Amino acid sequence: MPAAPVIAIVGATGAVGVELLGSLARRNFPLSQLRLLASKRSAGREMRFRGGTLIVEELTENSFDGVDIALFSAGATISRRFAPIAAAAGARVVDNSSAFRMDPAVPLVVPEVNADTMQGDEAIIANPNCVAAIAGVALAPLHRAFPIRRLQMATYQAASGAGAEAMQELRDGTAAELRGEAFEPKVMPHPYAFNIFSHNADIDPQTGYNGEESKVIAELRRIFDLPQLPVGVTCIRVPILRAHGMAISIEFDQVVDPQVARDLLSDAPGLRLVDDWAGNHFPMPSEATGQEDVLVGRIRTDLGDPSGRTLTLFVVGDQLLKGAAQNAVQIAESLLPAH
């Protein structure tokens, strides 16, 4: 891997693709060339990067000649087709889709949690589901000190998780609602403005869990290498443009003092403690949006567990950043020679 590699972004014009450009620029990623790849429909579009203009190229099987790192964010179907092609051309692939997350030969990585699972020669590295990535940053420092025995979660997920069209539908639906006009949603199955509803992934008829919830469970188990970890989760869509919230109850193998947990979280990389009891100020999407750090607060003993071994906390992270683009760029940074 050269010190200044050639980078390609697959799906450059999508919501996450745009954030990949922003993360590369913001983190001063050393690169010699950046190629923007997308569908034929988007080819020719101009995009700004570091004060200059780049032209989007059509994604083809010949797009990866000379590419060192390919950042994929164009959906599982595109990744399954083109990621092996990119790898065969010599690129290291960081994939943001669900295509390879449960492949035992592909590391599923949150750098603050399990960077050591990368051996240095993997052709493809998977970026986790946004909820798993954001939650993992907050859970890791606690789990290292006090092994986790069980998780119970409720998520409050922003429109960004469903893409740019869902974000625009939230804007349009809210404007229509405020004008007193009827609005028929086309991207989401239910009205989004001033409403919340269960995540619209398909429901497993056997378990009653939807696809998003099943992904969170499976991926957290894999990230923490705890294949039997009991995890319960309910995923809800809320009318927020970006930044997912999560209420998490964590059962440990021993009683954990909330102040000890607070100290661990305040010193952990990628986290910012927002836990002002006197001011009733805790993590909020409005303060997490556009921020690289995951916000964590409301740290307290769960009174629902008489044993005292369970803590409850609230976590908020930018879905497009730590939940997607930023995590991918951090993985790419770990591939550089200095790392």
C-alpha atoms as a PDB file:
ATOM      1  CA  MET A   1       0.000   0.000   0.000  1.00  0.00           C
ATOM      2  CA  PRO A   2       1.547   3.312  -1.052  1.00  0.00           C
ATOM      3  CA  ALA A   3       1.673   6.168   1.444  1.00  0.00           C
ATOM      4  CA  ALA A   4      -0.642   8.188  -0.836  1.00  0.00           C
ATOM      5  CA  PRO A   5      -2.910   5.611  -2.487  1.00  0.00           C
ATOM      6  CA  VAL A   6      -5.319   5.928  -5.375  1.00  0.00           C
ATOM      7  CA  ILE A   7      -8.839   5.920  -3.918  1.00  0.00           C
ATOM      8  CA  ALA A   8     -12.093   5.088  -5.695  1.00  0.00           C
ATOM      9  CA  ILE A   9     -15.556   5.781  -4.293  1.00  0.00           C
ATOM     10  CA  VAL A  10     -18.302   3.557  -5.684  1.00  0.00           C
ATOM     11  CA  GLY A  11     -21.682   5.243  -5.267  1.00  0.00           C
ATOM     12  CA  ALA A  12     -20.126   8.692  -5.009  1.00  0.00           C
ATOM     13  CA  THR A  13     -23.332  10.628  -5.671  1.00  0.00           C
ATOM     14  CA  GLY A  14     -25.400   8.967  -2.928  1.00  0.00           C
ATOM     15  CA  ALA A  15     -25.880  10.285   0.605  1.00  0.00           C
ATOM     16  CA  VAL A  16     -23.037   8.191   2.008  1.00  0.00           C
ATOM     17  CA  GLY A  17     -20.860   8.793  -1.042  1.00  0.00           C
ATOM     18  CA  VAL A  18     -21.064  12.536  -0.498  1.00  0.00           C
ATOM     19  CA  GLU A  19     -20.074  12.014   3.133  1.00  0.00           C
ATOM     20  CA  LEU A  20     -17.139   9.834   2.063  1.00  0.00           C
ATOM     21  CA  LEU A  21     -15.764  12.815   0.150  1.00  0.00           C
ATOM     22  CA  GLY A  22     -16.294  15.000   3.186  1.00  0.00           C
ATOM     23  CA  SER A  23     -14.607  12.556   5.548  1.00  0.00           C
ATOM     24  CA  LEU A  24     -11.589  12.130   3.280  1.00  0.00           C
ATOM     25  CA  ALA A  25     -11.198  15.904   3.136  1.00  0.00           C
ATOM     26  CA  ARG A  26     -11.887  16.571   6.809  1.00  0.00           C
ATOM     27  CA  ARG A  27      -9.494  13.870   8.014  1.00  0.00           C
ATOM     28  CA  ASN A  28      -6.777  14.972   5.544  1.00  0.00           C
ATOM     29  CA  PHE A  29      -6.553  11.489   4.108  1.00  0.00           C
ATOM     30  CA  PRO A  30      -3.331  11.216   2.071  1.00  0.00           C
ATOM     31  CA  LEU A  31      -4.202  10.237  -1.479  1.00  0.00           C
ATOM     32  CA  SER A  32      -2.607  10.672  -4.870  1.00  0.00           C
ATOM     33  CA  GLN A  33      -5.821  10.438  -6.879  1.00  0.00           C
ATOM     34  CA  LEU A  34      -9.546  10.179  -6.187  1.00  0.00           C
ATOM     35  CA  ARG A  35     -11.907   8.542  -8.664  1.00  0.00           C
ATOM     36  CA  LEU A  36     -15.662   8.968  -8.325  1.00  0.00           C
ATOM     37  CA  LEU A  37     -17.758   6.112  -9.691  1.00  0.00           C
ATOM     38  CA  ALA A  38     -21.523   5.821 -10.020  1.00  0.00           C
ATOM     39  CA  SER A  39     -24.258   4.642 -12.366  1.00  0.00           C
ATOM     40  CA  LYS A  40     -24.402   5.658 -16.005  1.00  0.00           C
ATOM     41  CA  ARG A  41     -27.171   8.086 -15.069  1.00  0.00           C
ATOM     42  CA  SER A  42     -24.822  10.015 -12.762  1.00  0.00           C
ATOM     43  CA  ALA A  43     -21.778   9.921 -15.030  1.00  0.00           C
ATOM     44  CA  GLY A  44     -20.536  13.380 -15.953  1.00  0.00           C
ATOM     45  CA  ARG A  45     -21.765  15.022 -12.769  1.00  0.00           C
ATOM     46  CA  GLU A  46     -19.315  17.438 -11.134  1.00  0.00           C
ATOM     47  CA  MET A  47     -18.472  17.130  -7.441  1.00  0.00           C
ATOM     48  CA  ARG A  48     -16.270  19.347  -5.285  1.00  0.00           C
ATOM     49  CA  PHE A  49     -13.291  18.004  -3.359  1.00  0.00           C
ATOM     50  CA  ARG A  50     -10.561  19.977  -1.583  1.00  0.00           C
ATOM     51  CA  GLY A  51     -11.241  23.121  -3.547  1.00  0.00           C
ATOM     52  CA  GLY A  52     -11.275  21.389  -6.919  1.00  0.00           C
ATOM     53  CA  THR A  53     -13.807  19.691  -9.155  1.00  0.00           C
ATOM     54  CA  LEU A  54     -13.983  15.982  -9.957  1.00  0.00           C
ATOM     55  CA  ILE A  55     -16.076  14.362 -12.696  1.00  0.00           C
ATOM     56  CA  VAL A  56     -18.111  11.282 -11.846  1.00  0.00           C
ATOM     57  CA  GLU A  57     -17.337   8.305 -14.076  1.00  0.00           C
ATOM     58  CA  GLU A  58     -19.592   5.404 -14.966  1.00  0.00           C
ATOM     59  CA  LEU A  59     -18.875   2.275 -12.937  1.00  0.00           C
ATOM     60  CA  THR A  60     -17.672  -0.535 -15.171  1.00  0.00           C
ATOM     61  CA  GLU A  61     -15.619  -3.690 -14.804  1.00  0.00           C
ATOM     62  CA  ASN A  62     -12.553  -1.704 -15.912  1.00  0.00           C
ATOM     63  CA  SER A  63     -12.941   1.050 -13.306  1.00  0.00           C
ATOM     64  CA  PHE A  64     -10.408  -0.354 -10.822  1.00  0.00           C
ATOM     65  CA  ASP A  65      -7.171  -0.482 -12.796  1.00  0.00           C
ATOM     66  CA  GLY A  66      -4.526   1.165 -10.602  1.00  0.00           C
ATOM     67  CA  VAL A  67      -6.882   1.651  -7.626  1.00  0.00           C
ATOM     68  CA  ASP A  68      -5.363   0.889  -4.222  1.00  0.00           C
ATOM     69  CA  ILE A  69      -8.448   1.297  -1.990  1.00  0.00           C
ATOM     70  CA  ALA A  70     -12.063   1.123  -3.180  1.00  0.00           C
ATOM     71  CA  LEU A  71     -14.736   2.510  -0.862  1.00  0.00           C
ATOM     72  CA  PHE A  72     -18.089   0.965  -1.788  1.00  0.00           C
ATOM     73  CA  SER A  73     -21.425   2.545  -0.891  1.00  0.00           C
ATOM     74  CA  ALA A  74     -23.829   1.607  -3.643  1.00  0.00           C
ATOM     75  CA  GLY A  75     -25.871  -1.226  -2.129  1.00  0.00           C
ATOM     76  CA  ALA A  76     -25.405  -4.948  -1.716  1.00  0.00           C
ATOM     77  CA  THR A  77     -26.221  -5.883  -5.312  1.00  0.00           C
ATOM     78  CA  ILE A  78     -23.493  -3.625  -6.717  1.00  0.00           C
ATOM     79  CA  SER A  79     -21.028  -4.748  -4.045  1.00  0.00           C
ATOM     80  CA  ARG A  80     -21.565  -8.438  -4.742  1.00  0.00           C
ATOM     81  CA  ARG A  81     -20.893  -7.855  -8.420  1.00  0.00           C
ATOM     82  CA  PHE A  82     -18.085  -5.302  -8.382  1.00  0.00           C
ATOM     83  CA  ALA A  83     -16.216  -5.794  -5.090  1.00  0.00           C
ATOM     84  CA  PRO A  84     -14.624  -9.088  -6.252  1.00  0.00           C
ATOM     85  CA  ILE A  85     -13.702  -7.368  -9.530  1.00  0.00           C
ATOM     86  CA  ALA A  86     -12.031  -4.525  -7.634  1.00  0.00           C
ATOM     87  CA  ALA A  87     -10.202  -7.000  -5.406  1.00  0.00           C
ATOM     88  CA  ALA A  88      -9.014  -9.014  -8.424  1.00  0.00           C
ATOM     89  CA  ALA A  89      -7.622  -5.785  -9.890  1.00  0.00           C
ATOM     90  CA  GLY A  90      -5.511  -5.328  -6.745  1.00  0.00           C
ATOM     91  CA  ALA A  91      -7.658  -2.936  -4.724  1.00  0.00           C
ATOM     92  CA  ARG A  92      -8.415  -3.317  -1.032  1.00  0.00           C
ATOM     93  CA  VAL A  93     -12.188  -3.004  -0.738  1.00  0.00           C
ATOM     94  CA  VAL A  94     -14.013  -1.370   2.187  1.00  0.00           C
ATOM     95  CA  ASP A  95     -17.676  -2.194   1.677  1.00  0.00           C
ATOM     96  CA  ASN A  96     -20.501  -0.277   3.323  1.00  0.00           C
ATOM     97  CA  SER A  97     -23.304  -2.632   2.244  1.00  0.00           C
ATOM     98  CA  SER A  98     -24.666  -5.763   3.897  1.00  0.00           C
ATOM     99  CA  ALA A  99     -23.182  -8.003   1.192  1.00  0.00           C
ATOM    100  CA  PHE A 100     -20.201  -9.380   3.124  1.00  0.00           C
ATOM    101  CA  ARG A 101     -20.912  -8.556   6.772  1.00  0.00           C
ATOM    102  CA  MET A 102     -21.635 -12.125   7.819  1.00  0.00           C
ATOM    103  CA  ASP A 103     -18.993 -13.758   5.625  1.00  0.00           C
ATOM    104  CA  PRO A 104     -16.575 -15.417   8.081  1.00  0.00           C
ATOM    105  CA  ALA A 105     -13.680 -14.704   5.705  1.00  0.00           C
ATOM    106  CA  VAL A 106     -14.398 -10.945   5.725  1.00  0.00           C
ATOM    107  CA  PRO A 107     -13.603  -8.854   8.830  1.00  0.00           C
ATOM    108  CA  LEU A 108     -16.493  -6.750  10.127  1.00  0.00           C
ATOM    109  CA  VAL A 109     -14.727  -3.755  11.622  1.00  0.00           C
ATOM    110  CA  VAL A 110     -15.314  -0.817  13.918  1.00  0.00           C
ATOM    111  CA  PRO A 111     -11.735   0.467  14.399  1.00  0.00           C
ATOM    112  CA  GLU A 112     -12.270   1.569  18.010  1.00  0.00           C
ATOM    113  CA  VAL A 113     -13.603  -1.903  18.839  1.00  0.00           C
ATOM    114  CA  ASN A 114     -11.938  -4.665  16.844  1.00  0.00           C
ATOM    115  CA  ALA A 115      -9.270  -3.327  14.503  1.00  0.00           C
ATOM    116  CA  ASP A 116      -7.157  -6.325  15.486  1.00  0.00           C
ATOM    117  CA  THR A 117      -9.425  -8.619  13.451  1.00  0.00           C
ATOM    118  CA  MET A 118      -7.756  -7.253  10.295  1.00  0.00           C
ATOM    119  CA  GLN A 119      -4.681  -9.309   9.459  1.00  0.00           C
ATOM    120  CA  GLY A 120      -3.366  -6.950   6.794  1.00  0.00           C
ATOM    121  CA  ASP A 121      -4.019  -8.929   3.648  1.00  0.00           C
ATOM    122  CA  GLU A 122      -7.821  -9.038   3.385  1.00  0.00           C
ATOM    123  CA  ALA A 123      -9.164  -8.207  -0.065  1.00  0.00           C
ATOM    124  CA  ILE A 124     -12.527  -7.085   1.350  1.00  0.00           C
ATOM    125  CA  ILE A 125     -13.348  -5.492   4.727  1.00  0.00           C
ATOM    126  CA  ALA A 126     -16.960  -4.941   5.736  1.00  0.00           C
ATOM    127  CA  ASN A 127     -18.362  -1.795   7.327  1.00  0.00           C
ATOM    128  CA  PRO A 128     -21.093  -2.649   9.868  1.00  0.00           C
ATOM    129  CA  ASN A 129     -24.718  -1.634  10.031  1.00  0.00           C
ATOM    130  CA  CYS A 130     -24.989   1.927  11.307  1.00  0.00           C
ATOM    131  CA  VAL A 131     -26.616   0.955  14.620  1.00  0.00           C
ATOM    132  CA  ALA A 132     -24.002  -1.720  15.318  1.00  0.00           C
ATOM    133  CA  ALA A 133     -21.134   0.670  14.528  1.00  0.00           C
ATOM    134  CA  ILE A 134     -22.425   3.518  16.693  1.00  0.00           C
ATOM    135  CA  ALA A 135     -23.448   1.282  19.594  1.00  0.00           C
ATOM    136  CA  GLY A 136     -20.166  -0.611  19.383  1.00  0.00           C
ATOM    137  CA  VAL A 137     -18.108   2.503  20.075  1.00  0.00           C
ATOM    138  CA  ALA A 138     -19.994   3.062  23.336  1.00  0.00           C
ATOM    139  CA  LEU A 139     -20.084  -0.592  24.392  1.00  0.00           C
ATOM    140  CA  ALA A 140     -16.426  -1.446  23.761  1.00  0.00           C
ATOM    141  CA  PRO A 141     -14.736   0.430  26.645  1.00  0.00           C
ATOM    142  CA  LEU A 142     -17.270  -0.990  29.094  1.00  0.00           C
ATOM    143  CA  HIS A 143     -16.965  -4.533  27.777  1.00  0.00           C
ATOM    144  CA  ARG A 144     -13.172  -4.432  28.048  1.00  0.00           C
ATOM    145  CA  ALA A 145     -13.457  -3.630  31.754  1.00  0.00           C
ATOM    146  CA  PHE A 146     -16.591  -5.602  32.631  1.00  0.00           C
ATOM    147  CA  PRO A 147     -17.689  -8.381  30.265  1.00  0.00           C
ATOM    148  CA  ILE A 148     -21.177  -7.847  28.869  1.00  0.00           C
ATOM    149  CA  ARG A 149     -23.698 -10.619  29.483  1.00  0.00           C
ATOM    150  CA  ARG A 150     -26.843  -9.216  27.830  1.00  0.00           C
ATOM    151  CA  LEU A 151     -28.039  -6.226  25.806  1.00  0.00           C
ATOM    152  CA  GLN A 152     -31.504  -4.718  25.473  1.00  0.00           C
ATOM    153  CA  MET A 153     -31.856  -1.847  23.004  1.00  0.00           C
ATOM    154  CA  ALA A 154     -34.405   0.503  21.476  1.00  0.00           C
ATOM    155  CA  THR A 155     -33.277   2.599  18.522  1.00  0.00           C
ATOM    156  CA  TYR A 156     -34.591   5.892  17.191  1.00  0.00           C
ATOM    157  CA  GLN A 157     -33.364   5.964  13.609  1.00  0.00           C
ATOM    158  CA  ALA A 158     -33.065   8.968  11.308  1.00  0.00           C
ATOM    159  CA  ALA A 159     -34.180   9.275   7.705  1.00  0.00           C
ATOM    160  CA  SER A 160     -30.555   9.214   6.521  1.00  0.00           C
ATOM    161  CA  GLY A 161     -30.516   5.461   7.139  1.00  0.00           C
ATOM    162  CA  ALA A 162     -32.926   5.072   4.245  1.00  0.00           C
ATOM    163  CA  GLY A 163     -30.969   7.349   1.906  1.00  0.00           C
ATOM    164  CA  ALA A 164     -31.180  10.784   0.364  1.00  0.00           C
ATOM    165  CA  GLU A 165     -34.683  10.261  -1.037  1.00  0.00           C
ATOM    166  CA  ALA A 166     -36.062   9.463   2.424  1.00  0.00           C
ATOM    167  CA  MET A 167     -34.408  12.577   3.812  1.00  0.00           C
ATOM    168  CA  GLN A 168     -36.027  14.683   1.106  1.00  0.00           C
ATOM    169  CA  GLU A 169     -39.403  13.044   1.716  1.00  0.00           C
ATOM    170  CA  LEU A 170     -39.131  13.984   5.397  1.00  0.00           C
ATOM    171  CA  ARG A 171     -38.430  17.605   4.429  1.00  0.00           C
ATOM    172  CA  ASP A 172     -41.280  17.701   1.911  1.00  0.00           C
ATOM    173  CA  GLY A 173     -43.752  15.940   4.198  1.00  0.00           C
ATOM    174  CA  THR A 174     -42.947  18.255   7.088  1.00  0.00           C
ATOM    175  CA  ALA A 175     -43.395  21.347   4.908  1.00  0.00           C
ATOM    176  CA  ALA A 176     -46.732  20.030   3.638  1.00  0.00           C
ATOM    177  CA  GLU A 177     -47.914  19.214   7.164  1.00  0.00           C
ATOM    178  CA  LEU A 178     -47.039  22.713   8.367  1.00  0.00           C
ATOM    179  CA  ARG A 179     -49.007  24.186   5.445  1.00  0.00           C
ATOM    180  CA  GLY A 180     -51.968  21.961   6.309  1.00  0.00           C
ATOM    181  CA  GLU A 181     -51.715  20.111   2.990  1.00  0.00           C
ATOM    182  CA  ALA A 182     -52.115  16.420   2.299  1.00  0.00           C
ATOM    183  CA  PHE A 183     -48.923  14.541   1.541  1.00  0.00           C
ATOM    184  CA  GLU A 184     -48.649  11.007   0.173  1.00  0.00           C
ATOM    185  CA  PRO A 185     -45.350   9.282   1.049  1.00  0.00           C
ATOM    186  CA  LYS A 186     -43.639   7.407  -1.765  1.00  0.00           C
ATOM    187  CA  VAL A 187     -40.310   6.376  -0.223  1.00  0.00           C
ATOM    188  CA  MET A 188     -41.532   5.360   3.219  1.00  0.00           C
ATOM    189  CA  PRO A 189     -44.588   3.176   3.874  1.00  0.00           C
ATOM    190  CA  HIS A 190     -46.055   5.635   6.392  1.00  0.00           C
ATOM    191  CA  PRO A 191     -46.142   9.419   6.861  1.00  0.00           C
ATOM    192  CA  TYR A 192     -42.787  10.505   8.276  1.00  0.00           C
ATOM    193  CA  ALA A 193     -43.490  14.048   9.464  1.00  0.00           C
ATOM    194  CA  PHE A 194     -44.563  14.258  13.122  1.00  0.00           C
ATOM    195  CA  ASN A 195     -44.730  10.472  13.266  1.00  0.00           C
ATOM    196  CA  ILE A 196     -42.729   7.434  14.342  1.00  0.00           C
ATOM    197  CA  PHE A 197     -43.097   3.884  13.086  1.00  0.00           C
ATOM    198  CA  SER A 198     -41.404   0.521  13.244  1.00  0.00           C
ATOM    199  CA  HIS A 199     -38.400   0.149  10.948  1.00  0.00           C
ATOM    200  CA  ASN A 200     -39.774  -0.870   7.579  1.00  0.00           C
ATOM    201  CA  ALA A 201     -37.471  -3.846   6.938  1.00  0.00           C
ATOM    202  CA  ASP A 202     -39.254  -7.139   6.320  1.00  0.00           C
ATOM    203  CA  ILE A 203     -40.374  -9.056   9.412  1.00  0.00           C
ATOM    204  CA  ASP A 204     -39.271 -12.618  10.045  1.00  0.00           C
ATOM    205  CA  PRO A 205     -42.498 -14.604  10.544  1.00  0.00           C
ATOM    206  CA  GLN A 206     -40.748 -16.955  12.971  1.00  0.00           C
ATOM    207  CA  THR A 207     -39.212 -14.414  15.363  1.00  0.00           C
ATOM    208  CA  GLY A 208     -41.242 -11.255  14.771  1.00  0.00           C
ATOM    209  CA  TYR A 209     -37.980  -9.327  14.401  1.00  0.00           C
ATOM    210  CA  ASN A 210     -37.486  -7.201  11.300  1.00  0.00           C
ATOM    211  CA  GLY A 211     -34.418  -7.333   9.101  1.00  0.00           C
ATOM    212  CA  GLU A 212     -32.794  -4.289  10.680  1.00  0.00           C
ATOM    213  CA  GLU A 213     -33.146  -5.743  14.155  1.00  0.00           C
ATOM    214  CA  SER A 214     -31.762  -9.105  13.050  1.00  0.00           C
ATOM    215  CA  LYS A 215     -28.764  -7.374  11.469  1.00  0.00           C
ATOM    216  CA  VAL A 216     -28.023  -5.429  14.638  1.00  0.00           C
ATOM    217  CA  ILE A 217     -28.099  -8.605  16.726  1.00  0.00           C
ATOM    218  CA  ALA A 218     -25.945 -10.649  14.368  1.00  0.00           C
ATOM    219  CA  GLU A 219     -23.407  -7.898  13.742  1.00  0.00           C
ATOM    220  CA  LEU A 220     -22.923  -6.901  17.371  1.00  0.00           C
ATOM    221  CA  ARG A 221     -22.302 -10.547  18.207  1.00  0.00           C
ATOM    222  CA  ARG A 222     -19.722 -10.755  15.434  1.00  0.00           C
ATOM    223  CA  ILE A 223     -18.001  -7.440  16.208  1.00  0.00           C
ATOM    224  CA  PHE A 224     -17.536  -8.421  19.854  1.00  0.00           C
ATOM    225  CA  ASP A 225     -16.840 -12.085  19.069  1.00  0.00           C
ATOM    226  CA  LEU A 226     -19.699 -13.134  21.345  1.00  0.00           C
ATOM    227  CA  PRO A 227     -21.755 -15.488  19.145  1.00  0.00           C
ATOM    228  CA  GLN A 228     -24.190 -16.403  21.939  1.00  0.00           C
ATOM    229  CA  LEU A 229     -24.669 -12.904  23.409  1.00  0.00           C
ATOM    230  CA  PRO A 230     -28.361 -12.379  24.251  1.00  0.00           C
ATOM    231  CA  VAL A 231     -29.493  -9.221  22.448  1.00  0.00           C
ATOM    232  CA  GLY A 232     -32.988  -7.795  22.210  1.00  0.00           C
ATOM    233  CA  VAL A 233     -33.655  -4.769  20.031  1.00  0.00           C
ATOM    234  CA  THR A 234     -36.583  -2.743  18.711  1.00  0.00           C
ATOM    235  CA  CYS A 235     -35.780  -0.424  15.787  1.00  0.00           C
ATOM    236  CA  ILE A 236     -37.999   2.620  15.217  1.00  0.00           C
ATOM    237  CA  ARG A 237     -37.932   5.288  12.498  1.00  0.00           C
ATOM    238  CA  VAL A 238     -38.200   8.835  13.877  1.00  0.00           C
ATOM    239  CA  PRO A 239     -38.566  12.149  11.976  1.00  0.00           C
ATOM    240  CA  ILE A 240     -34.918  13.180  12.278  1.00  0.00           C
ATOM    241  CA  LEU A 241     -32.809  13.907   9.189  1.00  0.00           C
ATOM    242  CA  ARG A 242     -29.612  12.273  10.458  1.00  0.00           C
ATOM    243  CA  ALA A 243     -28.111  10.882  13.691  1.00  0.00           C
ATOM    244  CA  HIS A 244     -29.504   7.721  15.285  1.00  0.00           C
ATOM    245  CA  GLY A 245     -30.404   7.535  18.975  1.00  0.00           C
ATOM    246  CA  MET A 246     -30.261   4.353  21.074  1.00  0.00           C
ATOM    247  CA  ALA A 247     -31.439   3.543  24.577  1.00  0.00           C
ATOM    248  CA  ILE A 248     -29.282   0.633  25.743  1.00  0.00           C
ATOM    249  CA  SER A 249     -29.495  -1.498  28.889  1.00  0.00           C
ATOM    250  CA  ILE A 250     -26.303  -3.475  29.481  1.00  0.00           C
ATOM    251  CA  GLU A 251     -26.130  -6.406  31.873  1.00  0.00           C
ATOM    252  CA  PHE A 252     -22.589  -7.155  33.066  1.00  0.00           C
ATOM    253  CA  ASP A 253     -21.110 -10.124  34.880  1.00  0.00           C
ATOM    254  CA  GLN A 254     -20.798  -7.998  38.033  1.00  0.00           C
ATOM    255  CA  VAL A 255     -22.145  -4.838  39.636  1.00  0.00           C
ATOM    256  CA  VAL A 256     -20.736  -1.774  37.865  1.00  0.00           C
ATOM    257  CA  ASP A 257     -20.720   1.639  39.507  1.00  0.00           C
ATOM    258  CA  PRO A 258     -22.186   4.273  37.141  1.00  0.00           C
ATOM    259  CA  GLN A 259     -19.350   6.683  37.935  1.00  0.00           C
ATOM    260  CA  VAL A 260     -16.767   4.075  36.986  1.00  0.00           C
ATOM    261  CA  ALA A 261     -18.601   3.556  33.706  1.00  0.00           C
ATOM    262  CA  ARG A 262     -18.773   7.325  33.195  1.00  0.00           C
ATOM    263  CA  ASP A 263     -15.012   7.615  33.693  1.00  0.00           C
ATOM    264  CA  LEU A 264     -14.317   4.802  31.225  1.00  0.00           C
ATOM    265  CA  LEU A 265     -16.556   6.345  28.584  1.00  0.00           C
ATOM    266  CA  SER A 266     -15.155   9.855  29.043  1.00  0.00           C
ATOM    267  CA  ASP A 267     -11.631   8.608  28.260  1.00  0.00           C
ATOM    268  CA  ALA A 268     -12.519   6.347  25.310  1.00  0.00           C
ATOM    269  CA  PRO A 269     -11.646   7.212  21.703  1.00  0.00           C
ATOM    270  CA  GLY A 270     -14.496   8.230  19.451  1.00  0.00           C
ATOM    271  CA  LEU A 271     -16.814   9.141  22.336  1.00  0.00           C
ATOM    272  CA  ARG A 272     -17.935  12.405  23.912  1.00  0.00           C
ATOM    273  CA  LEU A 273     -19.621  12.316  27.305  1.00  0.00           C
ATOM    274  CA  VAL A 274     -22.835  14.385  27.454  1.00  0.00           C
ATOM    275  CA  ASP A 275     -24.219  13.597  30.892  1.00  0.00           C
ATOM    276  CA  ASP A 276     -25.340  16.796  32.621  1.00  0.00           C
ATOM    277  CA  TRP A 277     -27.911  15.742  35.210  1.00  0.00           C
ATOM    278  CA  ALA A 278     -28.315  19.212  36.734  1.00  0.00           C
ATOM    279  CA  GLY A 279     -28.972  20.801  33.350  1.00  0.00           C
ATOM    280  CA  ASN A 280     -30.967  17.811  32.026  1.00  0.00           C
ATOM    281  CA  HIS A 281     -28.637  17.856  29.028  1.00  0.00           C
ATOM    282  CA  PHE A 282     -27.951  14.516  27.360  1.00  0.00           C
ATOM    283  CA  PRO A 283     -27.125  13.253  23.826  1.00  0.00           C
ATOM    284  CA  MET A 284     -29.340  14.736  21.102  1.00  0.00           C
ATOM    285  CA  PRO A 285     -29.401  14.275  17.307  1.00  0.00           C
ATOM    286  CA  SER A 286     -29.150  18.053  16.836  1.00  0.00           C
ATOM    287  CA  GLU A 287     -25.757  18.031  18.576  1.00  0.00           C
ATOM    288  CA  ALA A 288     -24.498  14.768  17.061  1.00  0.00           C
ATOM    289  CA  THR A 289     -25.249  15.755  13.452  1.00  0.00           C
ATOM    290  CA  GLY A 290     -22.048  16.450  11.570  1.00  0.00           C
ATOM    291  CA  GLN A 291     -19.894  15.290  14.495  1.00  0.00           C
ATOM    292  CA  GLU A 292     -17.348  12.491  14.272  1.00  0.00           C
ATOM    293  CA  ASP A 293     -17.690  11.533  17.938  1.00  0.00           C
ATOM    294  CA  VAL A 294     -20.507   9.384  19.264  1.00  0.00           C
ATOM    295  CA  LEU A 295     -22.328  11.090  22.148  1.00  0.00           C
ATOM    296  CA  VAL A 296     -23.088   9.078  25.288  1.00  0.00           C
ATOM    297  CA  GLY A 297     -24.943   9.968  28.479  1.00  0.00           C
ATOM    298  CA  ARG A 298     -27.863   9.211  30.844  1.00  0.00           C
ATOM    299  CA  ILE A 299     -25.588   6.672  32.517  1.00  0.00           C
ATOM    300  CA  ARG A 300     -27.356   5.137  35.495  1.00  0.00           C
ATOM    301  CA  THR A 301     -28.130   1.874  37.245  1.00  0.00           C
ATOM    302  CA  ASP A 302     -31.103   0.099  35.688  1.00  0.00           C
ATOM    303  CA  LEU A 303     -33.682  -0.101  38.473  1.00  0.00           C
ATOM    304  CA  GLY A 304     -35.389  -2.904  36.564  1.00  0.00           C
ATOM    305  CA  ASP A 305     -32.574  -5.278  37.543  1.00  0.00           C
ATOM    306  CA  PRO A 306     -32.567  -5.862  41.335  1.00  0.00           C
ATOM    307  CA  SER A 307     -29.089  -7.448  41.114  1.00  0.00           C
ATOM    308  CA  GLY A 308     -27.538  -4.070  40.229  1.00  0.00           C
ATOM    309  CA  ARG A 309     -25.556  -5.591  37.360  1.00  0.00           C
ATOM    310  CA  THR A 310     -27.317  -3.589  34.637  1.00  0.00           C
ATOM    311  CA  LEU A 311     -26.582  -0.041  33.488  1.00  0.00           C
ATOM    312  CA  THR A 312     -28.724   2.033  31.171  1.00  0.00           C
ATOM    313  CA  LEU A 313     -27.382   4.733  28.874  1.00  0.00           C
ATOM    314  CA  PHE A 314     -28.354   6.780  25.826  1.00  0.00           C
ATOM    315  CA  VAL A 315     -26.187   6.981  22.722  1.00  0.00           C
ATOM    316  CA  VAL A 316     -26.490   9.214  19.645  1.00  0.00           C
ATOM    317  CA  GLY A 317     -24.262   9.142  16.571  1.00  0.00           C
ATOM    318  CA  ASP A 318     -24.349  10.612  13.072  1.00  0.00           C
ATOM    319  CA  GLN A 319     -25.607   7.786  10.879  1.00  0.00           C
ATOM    320  CA  LEU A 320     -23.874   9.099   7.771  1.00  0.00           C
ATOM    321  CA  LEU A 321     -20.533   9.560   9.567  1.00  0.00           C
ATOM    322  CA  LYS A 322     -19.672   7.019  12.276  1.00  0.00           C
ATOM    323  CA  GLY A 323     -22.573   4.899  11.076  1.00  0.00           C
ATOM    324  CA  ALA A 324     -21.233   4.786   7.527  1.00  0.00           C
ATOM    325  CA  ALA A 325     -18.712   7.031   5.735  1.00  0.00           C
ATOM    326  CA  GLN A 326     -16.402   7.982   8.588  1.00  0.00           C
ATOM    327  CA  ASN A 327     -16.069   4.397   9.794  1.00  0.00           C
ATOM    328  CA  ALA A 328     -15.125   3.335   6.255  1.00  0.00           C
ATOM    329  CA  VAL A 329     -12.488   6.061   6.021  1.00  0.00           C
ATOM    330  CA  GLN A 330     -11.101   5.062   9.423  1.00  0.00           C
ATOM    331  CA  ILE A 331     -10.769   1.490   8.132  1.00  0.00           C
ATOM    332  CA  ALA A 332      -8.983   2.835   5.050  1.00  0.00           C
ATOM    333  CA  GLU A 333      -6.638   4.826   7.305  1.00  0.00           C
ATOM    334  CA  SER A 334      -5.680   1.597   9.072  1.00  0.00           C
ATOM    335  CA  LEU A 335      -4.546   0.185   5.717  1.00  0.00           C
ATOM    336  CA  LEU A 336      -1.948   2.936   5.216  1.00  0.00           C
ATOM    337  CA  PRO A 337       1.734   2.097   5.827  1.00  0.00           C
ATOM    338  CA  ALA A 338       1.962   4.340   8.911  1.00  0.00           C
ATOM    339  CA  HIS A 339      -0.598   2.092  10.586  1.00  0.00           C
END
